Protein backbone atom coordinates (compact mmCIF):
# COMPACT_ATOMS: atom_id res chain seq x y z
CA MET A 1 -102.34 -34.58 15.45
CA THR A 2 -103.69 -36.20 12.31
CA ALA A 3 -106.05 -34.57 9.87
CA THR A 4 -107.80 -35.67 6.71
CA ARG A 5 -107.27 -33.83 3.45
CA SER A 6 -110.81 -32.44 3.74
CA GLU A 7 -110.11 -31.10 7.24
CA ILE A 8 -106.89 -29.52 6.06
CA VAL A 9 -108.59 -27.82 3.11
CA GLN A 10 -111.36 -26.53 5.39
CA LYS A 11 -108.86 -25.09 7.88
CA VAL A 12 -106.79 -23.47 5.13
CA ARG A 13 -109.97 -22.02 3.66
CA ALA A 14 -111.02 -20.69 7.07
CA ALA A 15 -107.57 -19.13 7.57
CA ALA A 16 -107.76 -17.50 4.14
CA ALA A 17 -111.31 -16.28 4.74
CA GLU A 18 -110.14 -14.43 7.86
CA ILE A 19 -107.99 -12.28 5.57
CA ARG A 20 -110.17 -11.97 2.45
CA PRO A 21 -113.60 -13.34 1.61
CA ILE A 22 -113.77 -16.64 -0.26
CA PRO A 23 -117.05 -16.93 -2.20
CA ASP A 24 -119.47 -19.46 -0.69
CA ASN A 25 -120.22 -20.92 -4.11
CA VAL A 26 -116.61 -22.14 -4.49
CA SER A 27 -116.39 -25.83 -3.57
CA ASN A 28 -113.53 -27.09 -1.42
CA GLU A 29 -112.28 -29.05 -4.43
CA ALA A 30 -112.15 -25.90 -6.59
CA PHE A 31 -110.62 -23.94 -3.73
CA ALA A 32 -107.86 -26.55 -3.33
CA THR A 33 -106.74 -26.13 -6.95
CA ALA A 34 -106.76 -22.34 -6.80
CA SER A 35 -103.90 -19.95 -6.25
CA LEU A 36 -104.37 -17.49 -3.40
CA THR A 37 -102.37 -14.87 -5.27
CA ASP A 38 -103.68 -15.37 -8.81
CA ASP A 39 -107.27 -16.40 -8.13
CA TYR A 40 -108.04 -14.52 -4.90
CA ASN A 41 -105.60 -11.57 -5.13
CA PHE A 42 -103.84 -12.22 -1.84
CA ASP A 43 -100.59 -10.30 -1.47
CA SER A 44 -97.41 -11.44 0.26
CA LEU A 45 -98.46 -10.00 3.63
CA ASP A 46 -101.78 -11.84 3.39
CA LEU A 47 -99.91 -15.08 2.69
CA ILE A 48 -97.68 -14.60 5.72
CA LYS A 49 -100.75 -14.06 7.91
CA ILE A 50 -102.29 -17.25 6.56
CA LEU A 51 -99.11 -19.23 7.20
CA PHE A 52 -99.00 -17.97 10.80
CA LYS A 53 -102.63 -18.97 11.29
CA ILE A 54 -101.98 -22.41 9.81
CA GLU A 55 -98.95 -22.89 12.06
CA GLU A 56 -101.16 -22.11 15.03
CA ASP A 57 -104.12 -24.24 13.91
CA PHE A 58 -102.08 -27.32 13.03
CA GLU A 59 -99.32 -26.83 15.62
CA ILE A 60 -96.65 -27.02 12.93
CA LYS A 61 -93.75 -24.83 11.87
CA PHE A 62 -93.02 -24.00 8.24
CA ASP A 63 -89.45 -24.64 7.15
CA GLU A 64 -88.39 -21.38 5.51
CA GLU A 65 -85.92 -23.24 3.29
CA LYS A 66 -88.64 -25.51 1.89
CA VAL A 67 -91.56 -23.08 1.67
CA ASP A 68 -91.58 -20.42 -1.00
CA SER A 69 -93.64 -19.24 -3.95
CA GLU A 70 -92.18 -21.97 -6.16
CA THR A 71 -92.99 -24.87 -3.83
CA LEU A 72 -96.42 -23.58 -2.83
CA VAL A 73 -97.93 -22.66 -6.17
CA ASN A 74 -101.52 -23.42 -5.19
CA ILE A 75 -103.56 -24.40 -2.17
CA GLU A 76 -103.20 -28.10 -2.99
CA ASP A 77 -99.41 -27.73 -2.60
CA LEU A 78 -99.93 -26.04 0.76
CA CYS A 79 -102.27 -28.83 1.90
CA ARG A 80 -99.74 -31.49 0.86
CA TYR A 81 -97.04 -29.71 2.85
CA ILE A 82 -99.32 -29.54 5.90
CA GLU A 83 -100.06 -33.27 5.56
CA THR A 84 -96.36 -34.07 5.71
CA GLN A 85 -95.96 -31.94 8.83
CA VAL A 86 -98.98 -33.20 10.79
CA ALA A 87 -98.00 -36.80 10.03
CA CYS A 88 -94.67 -36.34 11.87
């Protein structure tokens, strides 16, 4: 499965919006640079739910040794990680 950056951002946004509302007036570009925890007040359980949804949507598996709060600081980092996984 291949996906464009725009498609990845849209799917991540949709996954996040299932947990907490993302304002409609936030562009995908602004959303991509945001932090789910700092900008949208997602907690650790919310983040786990989003990661599970992303694994399902993209048919990927997150490597627990490579994915943590230091490697995934913002949504852009998450999208980059997804890109590397869907390209495999």
